[in-house]
């Protein structure tokens, strides 16, 4: 586990990926003039200072999602100086109102001493709160937002928690994040980031990631071309029963020298999932 609060800023995702359906989902059960809805609109307009004001009004009226958003805003310094203390204040308020996302963030806040004194008893307390609600890790939280729960089902939060899970080493989330950076993903296309996350998932034994990593090496996507490494990862995936990978191995082998083929096979044979 990384000793950091590795959450993706909700503000960033709102700017880049919010659409009408997501906006309605996040602001469900509130009117168009509700401060929480106004805060979302402010983010879309890049009016961060007004977003802080509107979310603060909503938070003080008991909207735990608004408190959670403020916690993220202060943590990442969107429209305001970074303040871990203010971030923790709003996360605690949100968590006290039952927001499981905020509860989870407080585990790391107390474990790392971000905005609050380092306190492992408090970290354990919030971990238990999260576990009691059935979400015992970051991947489960990303699934919660993808598949629906007592919180609004919205794409923004699913993205955020998928990245959170990936940054804490969950292999499935690493590969999901890599795909989101691809041409058909939710993020702006970034082959370097996609390669980074494909590799992390591949090293943990995720077959699809291994195939995608091989493709990246073969087609020089986010990394210099290397047919030796492309063969290595196709061979590793083929050893797990991927017929397409086995076919790709045969195709890549045609382009390798005998020495390169020996090198690639040796690398594959020596691979052990991390």
Protein backbone atom coordinates (compact mmCIF):
# COMPACT_ATOMS: atom_id res chain seq x y z
CA UNK A 1 0.00 0.00 0.00
CA UNK A 2 1.23 3.47 -0.81
CA UNK A 3 1.42 5.83 2.14
CA UNK A 4 -0.38 8.68 0.47
CA UNK A 5 -3.89 9.90 -0.15
CA UNK A 6 -3.84 8.83 -3.79
CA UNK A 7 -7.22 10.04 -4.95
CA UNK A 8 -7.94 11.67 -8.26
CA UNK A 9 -9.39 15.15 -8.03
CA UNK A 10 -13.10 15.19 -8.62
CA UNK A 11 -12.71 18.70 -9.96
CA UNK A 12 -10.45 17.52 -12.75
CA UNK A 13 -12.86 14.81 -13.81
CA UNK A 14 -15.82 17.15 -13.67
CA UNK A 15 -14.12 19.56 -16.03
CA UNK A 16 -13.14 16.93 -18.52
CA UNK A 17 -15.88 14.32 -18.48
CA UNK A 18 -19.17 15.51 -17.06
CA UNK A 19 -22.20 15.37 -19.35
CA UNK A 20 -25.88 15.97 -18.84
CA UNK A 21 -26.62 12.51 -17.47
CA UNK A 22 -23.72 12.60 -15.00
CA UNK A 23 -24.71 16.07 -13.89
CA UNK A 24 -28.26 14.94 -13.26
CA UNK A 25 -27.07 11.83 -11.42
CA UNK A 26 -24.81 13.77 -9.09
CA UNK A 27 -27.40 16.44 -8.44
CA UNK A 28 -30.39 14.14 -8.14
CA UNK A 29 -33.19 15.20 -5.84
CA UNK A 30 -32.09 18.84 -5.90
CA UNK A 31 -33.49 21.75 -7.86
CA UNK A 32 -31.63 23.72 -10.52
CA UNK A 33 -30.93 26.56 -8.05
CA UNK A 34 -29.72 24.28 -5.30
CA UNK A 35 -26.19 25.29 -4.20
CA UNK A 36 -24.84 21.79 -4.92
CA UNK A 37 -26.11 21.94 -8.51
CA UNK A 38 -24.74 25.45 -8.81
CA UNK A 39 -21.39 24.20 -7.56
CA UNK A 40 -21.27 21.59 -10.31
CA UNK A 41 -22.12 24.24 -12.88
CA UNK A 42 -19.40 26.48 -11.46
CA UNK A 43 -16.86 23.70 -11.96
CA UNK A 44 -17.91 23.25 -15.56
CA UNK A 45 -17.45 27.01 -16.04
CA UNK A 46 -14.02 26.87 -14.33
CA UNK A 47 -15.33 29.27 -11.68
CA UNK A 48 -13.65 27.54 -8.77
CA UNK A 49 -14.04 30.26 -6.17
CA UNK A 50 -17.79 30.36 -6.68
CA UNK A 51 -17.86 26.56 -6.63
CA UNK A 52 -16.24 26.65 -3.21
CA UNK A 53 -18.85 29.14 -2.01
CA UNK A 54 -21.75 27.10 -3.40
CA UNK A 55 -20.46 23.76 -2.15
CA UNK A 56 -19.86 25.35 1.26
CA UNK A 57 -23.49 26.47 1.45
CA UNK A 58 -24.68 23.02 0.40
CA UNK A 59 -22.30 21.32 2.84
CA UNK A 60 -23.47 23.48 5.72
CA UNK A 61 -27.01 22.46 4.83
CA UNK A 62 -26.10 18.79 5.29
CA UNK A 63 -25.13 17.72 1.77
CA UNK A 64 -22.36 15.16 2.38
CA UNK A 65 -21.39 15.04 -1.29
CA UNK A 66 -20.73 18.78 -1.20
CA UNK A 67 -18.53 18.32 1.86
CA UNK A 68 -16.69 15.52 0.09
CA UNK A 69 -16.14 17.72 -2.99
CA UNK A 70 -14.75 20.48 -0.80
CA UNK A 71 -12.38 18.00 0.76
CA UNK A 72 -11.03 17.16 -2.69
CA UNK A 73 -10.85 20.79 -3.77
CA UNK A 74 -8.74 21.79 -0.77
CA UNK A 75 -6.57 18.69 -1.05
CA UNK A 76 -5.64 19.48 -4.65
CA UNK A 77 -5.79 23.27 -4.45
CA UNK A 78 -8.33 23.87 -7.21
CA UNK A 79 -9.03 27.63 -7.12
CA UNK A 80 -7.57 27.90 -3.64
CA UNK A 81 -4.24 27.15 -1.95
CA UNK A 82 -3.73 23.51 -0.99
CA UNK A 83 -4.87 22.99 2.58
CA UNK A 84 -4.77 19.49 4.03
CA UNK A 85 -6.29 20.85 7.23
CA UNK A 86 -9.34 22.25 5.40
CA UNK A 87 -9.53 19.09 3.30
CA UNK A 88 -9.62 16.93 6.41
CA UNK A 89 -12.23 19.20 8.02
CA UNK A 90 -14.66 18.69 5.14
CA UNK A 91 -13.89 14.99 4.79
CA UNK A 92 -14.62 14.48 8.48
CA UNK A 93 -17.90 16.37 8.15
CA UNK A 94 -18.86 14.28 5.12
CA UNK A 95 -17.84 11.04 6.83
CA UNK A 96 -19.79 11.94 9.96
CA UNK A 97 -22.83 12.21 7.69
CA UNK A 98 -22.26 8.67 6.39
CA UNK A 99 -20.43 9.33 3.12
CA UNK A 100 -18.40 6.14 2.54
CA UNK A 101 -16.02 7.85 0.10
CA UNK A 102 -15.06 10.35 2.77
CA UNK A 103 -14.79 7.58 5.34
CA UNK A 104 -12.33 5.77 3.14
CA UNK A 105 -10.24 8.90 2.55
CA UNK A 106 -9.98 9.43 6.29
CA UNK A 107 -8.27 6.06 6.65
CA UNK A 108 -5.37 7.47 4.65
CA UNK A 109 -5.56 10.92 6.20
CA UNK A 110 -5.07 9.50 9.69
CA UNK A 111 -2.57 6.91 8.55
CA UNK A 112 -0.39 9.51 6.79
CA UNK A 113 -1.15 12.54 8.98
CA UNK A 114 -2.60 14.61 6.12
CA UNK A 115 -4.43 17.52 7.75
CA UNK A 116 -4.92 15.59 10.97
CA UNK A 117 -2.51 14.15 13.53
CA UNK A 118 -1.26 10.71 12.55
CA UNK A 119 -3.54 8.35 14.47
CA UNK A 120 -3.68 4.65 13.65
CA UNK A 121 -6.59 4.10 16.00
CA UNK A 122 -8.64 6.62 14.03
CA UNK A 123 -7.49 5.04 10.77
CA UNK A 124 -8.68 1.68 12.05
CA UNK A 125 -11.98 3.23 13.19
CA UNK A 126 -12.75 4.55 9.71
CA UNK A 127 -11.57 1.33 8.08
CA UNK A 128 -14.08 -0.54 10.20
CA UNK A 129 -16.82 1.91 9.22
CA UNK A 130 -16.09 1.27 5.54
CA UNK A 131 -15.89 -2.50 6.06
CA UNK A 132 -19.19 -2.51 7.93
CA UNK A 133 -20.82 -1.09 4.80
CA UNK A 134 -19.41 -3.88 2.66
CA UNK A 135 -16.63 -1.95 0.95
CA UNK A 136 -13.38 -3.37 2.24
CA UNK A 137 -11.04 -2.03 -0.44
CA UNK A 138 -10.67 0.56 -3.17
CA UNK A 139 -11.77 -1.80 -5.95
CA UNK A 140 -15.04 -2.50 -4.18
CA UNK A 141 -15.57 1.25 -3.88
CA UNK A 142 -15.03 1.75 -7.62
CA UNK A 143 -17.48 -1.08 -8.26
CA UNK A 144 -19.97 0.58 -5.90
CA UNK A 145 -20.01 3.73 -8.00
CA UNK A 146 -20.12 1.82 -11.28
CA UNK A 147 -22.95 -0.54 -10.35
CA UNK A 148 -25.10 1.50 -7.99
CA UNK A 149 -25.54 1.70 -4.25
CA UNK A 150 -27.02 3.97 -1.66
CA UNK A 151 -24.93 6.77 -3.25
CA UNK A 152 -25.75 8.28 -6.63
CA UNK A 153 -24.48 6.04 -9.44
CA UNK A 154 -22.18 8.28 -11.44
CA UNK A 155 -19.34 7.86 -13.87
CA UNK A 156 -17.22 10.55 -12.23
CA UNK A 157 -16.92 8.75 -8.92
CA UNK A 158 -16.33 5.39 -10.63
CA UNK A 159 -13.36 6.90 -12.46
CA UNK A 160 -12.03 8.46 -9.30
CA UNK A 161 -12.19 5.25 -7.28
CA UNK A 162 -10.83 3.11 -10.11
CA UNK A 163 -7.75 5.32 -10.13
CA UNK A 164 -7.58 5.22 -6.35
CA UNK A 165 -7.65 1.42 -6.40
CA UNK A 166 -5.04 1.33 -9.16
CA UNK A 167 -2.71 3.63 -7.27
CA UNK A 168 -2.96 1.30 -4.29
CA UNK A 169 -1.94 -1.71 -6.37
CA UNK A 170 -5.22 -3.35 -7.43
CA UNK A 171 -4.30 -5.08 -10.70
CA UNK A 172 -7.80 -5.17 -12.18
CA UNK A 173 -8.19 -1.45 -11.58
CA UNK A 174 -4.74 -0.80 -13.08
CA UNK A 175 -5.83 -2.42 -16.33
CA UNK A 176 -9.19 -0.64 -16.27
CA UNK A 177 -7.36 2.66 -15.85
CA UNK A 178 -5.04 1.82 -18.75
CA UNK A 179 -8.03 1.19 -21.00
CA UNK A 180 -9.54 4.52 -19.98
CA UNK A 181 -6.42 6.21 -21.32
CA UNK A 182 -6.81 4.41 -24.65
CA UNK A 183 -8.43 5.71 -27.82
CA UNK A 184 -11.89 4.48 -26.76
CA UNK A 185 -11.54 5.36 -23.08
CA UNK A 186 -13.08 8.02 -20.89
CA UNK A 187 -9.93 10.12 -20.59
CA UNK A 188 -8.08 12.19 -23.19
CA UNK A 189 -5.99 9.69 -25.16
CA UNK A 190 -2.60 9.30 -23.48
CA UNK A 191 -0.56 6.35 -24.73
CA UNK A 192 2.20 6.92 -22.19
CA UNK A 193 -0.21 6.69 -19.25
CA UNK A 194 -1.95 3.72 -20.86
CA UNK A 195 1.39 1.93 -21.23
CA UNK A 196 2.28 2.70 -17.61
CA UNK A 197 -0.88 1.09 -16.24
CA UNK A 198 -0.89 -1.83 -18.70
CA UNK A 199 2.61 -2.69 -17.52
CA UNK A 200 1.74 -2.49 -13.83
CA UNK A 201 -1.24 -4.81 -14.34
CA UNK A 202 0.74 -7.14 -16.61
CA UNK A 203 3.45 -7.54 -14.00
CA UNK A 204 0.77 -8.72 -11.58
CA UNK A 205 -0.37 -11.41 -14.00
CA UNK A 206 -3.43 -9.88 -15.66
CA UNK A 207 -3.67 -11.67 -19.03
CA UNK A 208 -5.46 -8.90 -20.92
CA UNK A 209 -2.90 -6.40 -19.69
CA UNK A 210 -0.09 -8.64 -20.92
CA UNK A 211 -1.61 -8.76 -24.39
CA UNK A 212 -2.12 -5.00 -24.41
CA UNK A 213 1.42 -4.41 -23.19
CA UNK A 214 2.75 -6.60 -25.99
CA UNK A 215 0.74 -4.55 -28.48
CA UNK A 216 2.23 -1.36 -27.06
CA UNK A 217 5.76 -2.68 -27.55
CA UNK A 218 4.92 -3.98 -31.02
CA UNK A 219 3.34 -0.73 -32.20
CA UNK A 220 5.50 1.73 -30.23
CA UNK A 221 2.52 3.09 -28.28
CA UNK A 222 3.75 4.98 -25.25
CA UNK A 223 7.14 3.26 -25.41
CA UNK A 224 9.87 2.63 -27.98
CA UNK A 225 9.23 -0.33 -30.27
CA UNK A 226 10.65 -3.62 -29.03
CA UNK A 227 9.69 -6.82 -30.80
CA UNK A 228 11.66 -8.81 -28.24
CA UNK A 229 9.52 -7.44 -25.40
CA UNK A 230 6.37 -7.74 -27.52
CA UNK A 231 7.12 -11.44 -28.00
CA UNK A 232 7.90 -11.86 -24.29
CA UNK A 233 4.51 -10.56 -23.19
CA UNK A 234 2.54 -12.36 -25.91
CA UNK A 235 4.30 -15.58 -24.86
CA UNK A 236 3.46 -14.97 -21.21
CA UNK A 237 -0.21 -14.39 -22.10
CA UNK A 238 -0.21 -17.44 -24.39
CA UNK A 239 1.05 -19.56 -21.52
CA UNK A 240 -2.18 -18.66 -19.71
CA UNK A 241 -4.23 -20.03 -22.62
CA UNK A 242 -4.71 -16.96 -24.81
CA UNK A 243 -4.97 -18.32 -28.35
CA UNK A 244 -4.71 -14.87 -29.93
CA UNK A 245 -1.47 -14.28 -28.06
CA UNK A 246 -0.10 -17.59 -29.34
CA UNK A 247 -0.87 -16.51 -32.91
CA UNK A 248 0.80 -13.15 -32.31
CA UNK A 249 3.90 -14.92 -31.03
CA UNK A 250 4.17 -16.76 -34.30
CA UNK A 251 3.83 -13.53 -36.25
CA UNK A 252 6.39 -11.64 -34.18
CA UNK A 253 8.84 -14.57 -34.35
CA UNK A 254 9.02 -14.13 -38.11
CA UNK A 255 10.54 -10.68 -37.54
CA UNK A 256 13.13 -11.72 -34.94
CA UNK A 257 16.63 -13.00 -35.40
CA UNK A 258 17.39 -16.39 -33.81
CA UNK A 259 19.28 -14.63 -31.03
CA UNK A 260 16.40 -12.24 -30.38
CA UNK A 261 13.93 -15.11 -30.27
CA UNK A 262 16.03 -16.92 -27.68
CA UNK A 263 16.23 -13.72 -25.63
CA UNK A 264 12.46 -13.17 -25.80
CA UNK A 265 11.67 -16.76 -24.82
CA UNK A 266 14.11 -16.61 -21.93
CA UNK A 267 12.47 -13.44 -20.63
CA UNK A 268 9.04 -15.08 -20.85
CA UNK A 269 10.20 -18.28 -19.18
CA UNK A 270 11.68 -16.34 -16.27
CA UNK A 271 8.59 -14.22 -15.67
CA UNK A 272 7.01 -14.41 -12.24
CA UNK A 273 3.98 -12.30 -11.31
CA UNK A 274 4.79 -9.64 -8.74
